Amino acid sequence: MNSLTGLLSQIPPGPAYAVLAAAIIAESVLLVGALVPTLALMLTAGALARTGSMNLLWIVAVAASAVMIGDALAHRTGHLLGPRLRTGKVGRRIPLPPGGEPKP
């Protein structure tokens, strides 16, 4: 069993919602989807809701909020770092989409 999934099942509901939100935000912003098992966390949270340890409505609300926050932060990160990444050594090797021009 994954350590985050095991942690989610062993901590009280309040911190469990925070762990769930942090994992979802980390997956969106830091692009660590392969390292942060959010699907397994969501399935574990659903199972805990079935047993009565967590509230399903709170799980859905926390997950939806975390996804929106993570996407907004990822967009902001791309806006701030995008031009620098595009003009960097590796970024210059990636072709632009049709009609796309790099911003100065």
N, C-alpha and C. Protein backbone atom coordinates (compact mmCIF):
# COMPACT_ATOMS: atom_id res chain seq x y z
N MET A 1 0.85 -1.19 0.00
CA MET A 1 0.00 0.00 0.00
C MET A 1 0.89 1.24 0.00
N ASN A 2 0.48 2.22 -0.76
CA ASN A 2 1.23 3.46 -0.87
C ASN A 2 1.22 4.19 0.47
N SER A 3 2.28 4.92 0.76
CA SER A 3 2.38 5.60 2.05
C SER A 3 1.34 6.70 2.21
N LEU A 4 1.04 7.46 1.16
CA LEU A 4 0.01 8.50 1.26
C LEU A 4 -1.37 7.89 1.45
N THR A 5 -1.65 6.80 0.75
CA THR A 5 -2.94 6.14 0.90
C THR A 5 -3.08 5.57 2.30
N GLY A 6 -2.02 4.97 2.81
CA GLY A 6 -2.05 4.46 4.18
C GLY A 6 -2.20 5.58 5.19
N LEU A 7 -1.55 6.70 4.94
CA LEU A 7 -1.65 7.86 5.82
C LEU A 7 -3.08 8.38 5.86
N LEU A 8 -3.71 8.45 4.70
CA LEU A 8 -5.08 8.96 4.62
C LEU A 8 -6.04 8.11 5.44
N SER A 9 -5.82 6.82 5.47
CA SER A 9 -6.72 5.95 6.21
C SER A 9 -6.43 5.92 7.71
N GLN A 10 -5.30 6.47 8.14
CA GLN A 10 -4.94 6.40 9.55
C GLN A 10 -5.08 7.73 10.30
N ILE A 11 -5.28 8.83 9.60
CA ILE A 11 -5.37 10.12 10.28
C ILE A 11 -6.84 10.55 10.41
N PRO A 12 -7.11 11.47 11.33
CA PRO A 12 -8.49 11.95 11.50
C PRO A 12 -8.99 12.65 10.23
N PRO A 13 -10.31 12.78 10.08
CA PRO A 13 -10.88 13.34 8.85
C PRO A 13 -10.38 14.74 8.49
N GLY A 14 -10.24 15.64 9.43
CA GLY A 14 -9.80 17.00 9.13
C GLY A 14 -8.47 17.05 8.40
N PRO A 15 -7.43 16.48 8.98
CA PRO A 15 -6.14 16.44 8.27
C PRO A 15 -6.19 15.59 6.99
N ALA A 16 -7.07 14.61 6.94
CA ALA A 16 -7.19 13.78 5.74
C ALA A 16 -7.66 14.61 4.55
N TYR A 17 -8.60 15.53 4.79
CA TYR A 17 -9.05 16.42 3.72
C TYR A 17 -7.89 17.31 3.26
N ALA A 18 -7.07 17.77 4.20
CA ALA A 18 -5.92 18.62 3.86
C ALA A 18 -4.89 17.85 3.05
N VAL A 19 -4.63 16.59 3.40
CA VAL A 19 -3.69 15.76 2.66
C VAL A 19 -4.21 15.54 1.24
N LEU A 20 -5.51 15.29 1.12
CA LEU A 20 -6.12 15.09 -0.19
C LEU A 20 -5.97 16.34 -1.05
N ALA A 21 -6.27 17.49 -0.48
CA ALA A 21 -6.16 18.75 -1.22
C ALA A 21 -4.71 19.03 -1.62
N ALA A 22 -3.78 18.83 -0.70
CA ALA A 22 -2.37 19.10 -0.99
C ALA A 22 -1.85 18.19 -2.11
N ALA A 23 -2.27 16.94 -2.10
CA ALA A 23 -1.82 16.01 -3.14
C ALA A 23 -2.37 16.41 -4.51
N ILE A 24 -3.63 16.83 -4.55
CA ILE A 24 -4.23 17.22 -5.83
C ILE A 24 -3.58 18.50 -6.36
N ILE A 25 -3.34 19.46 -5.48
CA ILE A 25 -2.69 20.70 -5.90
C ILE A 25 -1.27 20.42 -6.37
N ALA A 26 -0.54 19.57 -5.65
CA ALA A 26 0.83 19.23 -6.04
C ALA A 26 0.87 18.56 -7.41
N GLU A 27 -0.11 17.71 -7.69
CA GLU A 27 -0.15 17.05 -9.00
C GLU A 27 -0.35 18.07 -10.11
N SER A 28 -1.20 19.06 -9.88
CA SER A 28 -1.48 20.06 -10.91
C SER A 28 -0.32 21.03 -11.12
N VAL A 29 0.24 21.53 -10.05
CA VAL A 29 1.24 22.59 -10.15
C VAL A 29 2.63 22.03 -10.42
N LEU A 30 3.02 21.03 -9.69
CA LEU A 30 4.39 20.54 -9.77
C LEU A 30 4.59 19.45 -10.81
N LEU A 31 3.52 19.03 -11.48
CA LEU A 31 3.60 17.98 -12.50
C LEU A 31 4.23 16.70 -11.96
N VAL A 32 3.82 16.31 -10.78
CA VAL A 32 4.35 15.10 -10.18
C VAL A 32 3.27 14.01 -10.14
N GLY A 33 2.47 13.95 -11.18
CA GLY A 33 1.37 12.99 -11.23
C GLY A 33 1.83 11.55 -11.11
N ALA A 34 3.02 11.24 -11.59
CA ALA A 34 3.53 9.88 -11.49
C ALA A 34 3.96 9.55 -10.07
N LEU A 35 4.31 10.57 -9.31
CA LEU A 35 4.80 10.34 -7.94
C LEU A 35 3.72 10.50 -6.88
N VAL A 36 2.70 11.29 -7.18
CA VAL A 36 1.62 11.54 -6.23
C VAL A 36 0.39 10.79 -6.71
N PRO A 37 0.00 9.73 -6.02
CA PRO A 37 -1.10 8.89 -6.49
C PRO A 37 -2.47 9.46 -6.13
N THR A 38 -2.91 10.50 -6.83
CA THR A 38 -4.17 11.13 -6.48
C THR A 38 -5.37 10.23 -6.74
N LEU A 39 -5.30 9.41 -7.78
CA LEU A 39 -6.41 8.49 -8.04
C LEU A 39 -6.57 7.51 -6.88
N ALA A 40 -5.46 6.97 -6.41
CA ALA A 40 -5.52 6.05 -5.28
C ALA A 40 -6.02 6.76 -4.02
N LEU A 41 -5.61 8.02 -3.83
CA LEU A 41 -6.09 8.78 -2.69
C LEU A 41 -7.60 9.02 -2.77
N MET A 42 -8.08 9.35 -3.96
CA MET A 42 -9.52 9.58 -4.13
C MET A 42 -10.31 8.30 -3.91
N LEU A 43 -9.80 7.18 -4.39
CA LEU A 43 -10.48 5.91 -4.16
C LEU A 43 -10.48 5.54 -2.68
N THR A 44 -9.37 5.79 -2.01
CA THR A 44 -9.30 5.54 -0.57
C THR A 44 -10.25 6.44 0.18
N ALA A 45 -10.31 7.72 -0.21
CA ALA A 45 -11.24 8.64 0.44
C ALA A 45 -12.68 8.20 0.22
N GLY A 46 -13.00 7.72 -0.98
CA GLY A 46 -14.34 7.20 -1.24
C GLY A 46 -14.66 5.99 -0.38
N ALA A 47 -13.68 5.11 -0.21
CA ALA A 47 -13.89 3.94 0.65
C ALA A 47 -14.08 4.37 2.11
N LEU A 48 -13.32 5.38 2.53
CA LEU A 48 -13.48 5.88 3.89
C LEU A 48 -14.83 6.57 4.07
N ALA A 49 -15.33 7.19 3.02
CA ALA A 49 -16.67 7.78 3.09
C ALA A 49 -17.72 6.68 3.21
N ARG A 50 -17.49 5.58 2.55
CA ARG A 50 -18.43 4.44 2.62
C ARG A 50 -18.50 3.88 4.03
N THR A 51 -17.36 3.87 4.72
CA THR A 51 -17.33 3.34 6.09
C THR A 51 -17.80 4.37 7.11
N GLY A 52 -17.96 5.63 6.68
CA GLY A 52 -18.41 6.66 7.60
C GLY A 52 -17.29 7.47 8.23
N SER A 53 -16.05 7.19 7.88
CA SER A 53 -14.92 7.92 8.45
C SER A 53 -14.79 9.32 7.87
N MET A 54 -15.20 9.49 6.62
CA MET A 54 -15.14 10.79 5.95
C MET A 54 -16.49 11.06 5.30
N ASN A 55 -16.74 12.32 4.98
CA ASN A 55 -18.00 12.72 4.36
C ASN A 55 -17.78 12.85 2.86
N LEU A 56 -18.60 12.16 2.07
CA LEU A 56 -18.44 12.16 0.63
C LEU A 56 -18.62 13.55 0.03
N LEU A 57 -19.55 14.32 0.53
CA LEU A 57 -19.76 15.67 0.01
C LEU A 57 -18.54 16.55 0.26
N TRP A 58 -17.91 16.39 1.43
CA TRP A 58 -16.70 17.15 1.72
C TRP A 58 -15.55 16.71 0.82
N ILE A 59 -15.48 15.42 0.54
CA ILE A 59 -14.43 14.91 -0.35
C ILE A 59 -14.57 15.52 -1.73
N VAL A 60 -15.80 15.54 -2.25
CA VAL A 60 -16.04 16.11 -3.58
C VAL A 60 -15.72 17.61 -3.58
N ALA A 61 -16.16 18.31 -2.52
CA ALA A 61 -15.91 19.76 -2.45
C ALA A 61 -14.41 20.07 -2.35
N VAL A 62 -13.71 19.32 -1.52
CA VAL A 62 -12.26 19.53 -1.36
C VAL A 62 -11.53 19.21 -2.66
N ALA A 63 -11.90 18.10 -3.32
CA ALA A 63 -11.23 17.72 -4.56
C ALA A 63 -11.50 18.75 -5.66
N ALA A 64 -12.74 19.19 -5.80
CA ALA A 64 -13.07 20.18 -6.84
C ALA A 64 -12.35 21.50 -6.58
N SER A 65 -12.32 21.92 -5.33
CA SER A 65 -11.62 23.17 -4.98
C SER A 65 -10.13 23.04 -5.24
N ALA A 66 -9.55 21.92 -4.87
CA ALA A 66 -8.11 21.72 -5.06
C ALA A 66 -7.75 21.68 -6.54
N VAL A 67 -8.61 21.09 -7.35
CA VAL A 67 -8.35 21.06 -8.80
C VAL A 67 -8.38 22.47 -9.37
N MET A 68 -9.36 23.27 -8.96
CA MET A 68 -9.43 24.65 -9.47
C MET A 68 -8.24 25.48 -9.00
N ILE A 69 -7.86 25.33 -7.75
CA ILE A 69 -6.70 26.06 -7.22
C ILE A 69 -5.43 25.60 -7.93
N GLY A 70 -5.26 24.29 -8.08
CA GLY A 70 -4.08 23.76 -8.75
C GLY A 70 -3.97 24.21 -10.19
N ASP A 71 -5.08 24.20 -10.91
CA ASP A 71 -5.05 24.67 -12.30
C ASP A 71 -4.74 26.15 -12.38
N ALA A 72 -5.31 26.94 -11.48
CA ALA A 72 -5.03 28.38 -11.48
C ALA A 72 -3.55 28.65 -11.17
N LEU A 73 -3.01 27.93 -10.21
CA LEU A 73 -1.59 28.10 -9.88
C LEU A 73 -0.68 27.63 -11.02
N ALA A 74 -1.07 26.53 -11.68
CA ALA A 74 -0.27 26.05 -12.81
C ALA A 74 -0.31 27.06 -13.96
N HIS A 75 -1.48 27.65 -14.19
CA HIS A 75 -1.58 28.66 -15.24
C HIS A 75 -0.72 29.87 -14.89
N ARG A 76 -0.76 30.29 -13.64
CA ARG A 76 0.05 31.44 -13.21
C ARG A 76 1.55 31.12 -13.32
N THR A 77 1.93 29.92 -12.95
CA THR A 77 3.33 29.51 -13.07
C THR A 77 3.76 29.52 -14.53
N GLY A 78 2.92 29.02 -15.42
CA GLY A 78 3.23 29.03 -16.84
C GLY A 78 3.32 30.44 -17.39
N HIS A 79 2.45 31.32 -16.89
CA HIS A 79 2.48 32.71 -17.34
C HIS A 79 3.78 33.39 -16.92
N LEU A 80 4.23 33.10 -15.70
CA LEU A 80 5.45 33.73 -15.20
C LEU A 80 6.72 33.10 -15.77
N LEU A 81 6.74 31.78 -15.90
CA LEU A 81 7.96 31.10 -16.33
C LEU A 81 7.97 30.69 -17.79
N GLY A 82 6.82 30.75 -18.46
CA GLY A 82 6.71 30.28 -19.84
C GLY A 82 7.69 30.91 -20.79
N PRO A 83 7.76 32.25 -20.87
CA PRO A 83 8.70 32.87 -21.80
C PRO A 83 10.16 32.49 -21.53
N ARG A 84 10.50 32.39 -20.26
CA ARG A 84 11.87 32.03 -19.91
C ARG A 84 12.17 30.58 -20.32
N LEU A 85 11.18 29.70 -20.15
CA LEU A 85 11.38 28.31 -20.55
C LEU A 85 11.44 28.18 -22.06
N ARG A 86 10.62 28.95 -22.77
CA ARG A 86 10.57 28.87 -24.23
C ARG A 86 11.87 29.35 -24.87
N THR A 87 12.51 30.34 -24.27
CA THR A 87 13.75 30.88 -24.84
C THR A 87 14.99 30.20 -24.29
N GLY A 88 14.83 29.25 -23.41
CA GLY A 88 15.96 28.52 -22.85
C GLY A 88 16.55 27.53 -23.84
N LYS A 89 17.59 26.84 -23.44
CA LYS A 89 18.31 25.92 -24.31
C LYS A 89 17.41 24.80 -24.84
N VAL A 90 16.64 24.19 -23.98
CA VAL A 90 15.77 23.09 -24.39
C VAL A 90 14.53 23.64 -25.10
N GLY A 91 13.99 24.75 -24.62
CA GLY A 91 12.78 25.32 -25.19
C GLY A 91 12.93 25.74 -26.64
N ARG A 92 14.12 26.14 -27.05
CA ARG A 92 14.34 26.53 -28.44
C ARG A 92 14.30 25.35 -29.40
N ARG A 93 14.47 24.14 -28.89
CA ARG A 93 14.44 22.94 -29.73
C ARG A 93 13.02 22.45 -29.97
N ILE A 94 12.07 22.90 -29.18
CA ILE A 94 10.68 22.46 -29.33
C ILE A 94 10.01 23.36 -30.36
N PRO A 95 9.44 22.78 -31.40
CA PRO A 95 8.82 23.62 -32.44
C PRO A 95 7.55 24.29 -31.92
N LEU A 96 7.29 25.48 -32.44
CA LEU A 96 6.09 26.20 -32.10
C LEU A 96 4.90 25.64 -32.84
N PRO A 97 3.71 25.75 -32.28
CA PRO A 97 2.52 25.31 -33.02
C PRO A 97 2.29 26.21 -34.23
N PRO A 98 1.52 25.75 -35.20
CA PRO A 98 1.27 26.57 -36.39
C PRO A 98 0.68 27.92 -36.01
N GLY A 99 1.26 28.97 -36.54
CA GLY A 99 0.78 30.31 -36.25
C GLY A 99 1.26 30.87 -34.93
N GLY A 100 2.01 30.10 -34.16
CA GLY A 100 2.50 30.55 -32.87
C GLY A 100 3.81 31.29 -32.99
N GLU A 101 3.94 32.34 -32.23
CA GLU A 101 5.18 33.09 -32.22
C GLU A 101 5.62 33.28 -30.77
N PRO A 102 6.90 33.17 -30.52
CA PRO A 102 7.36 33.39 -29.15
C PRO A 102 7.19 34.85 -28.74
N LYS A 103 6.82 35.06 -27.51
CA LYS A 103 6.72 36.42 -26.99
C LYS A 103 8.08 36.87 -26.49
N PRO A 104 8.40 38.15 -26.68
CA PRO A 104 9.72 38.63 -26.23
C PRO A 104 9.85 38.65 -24.74
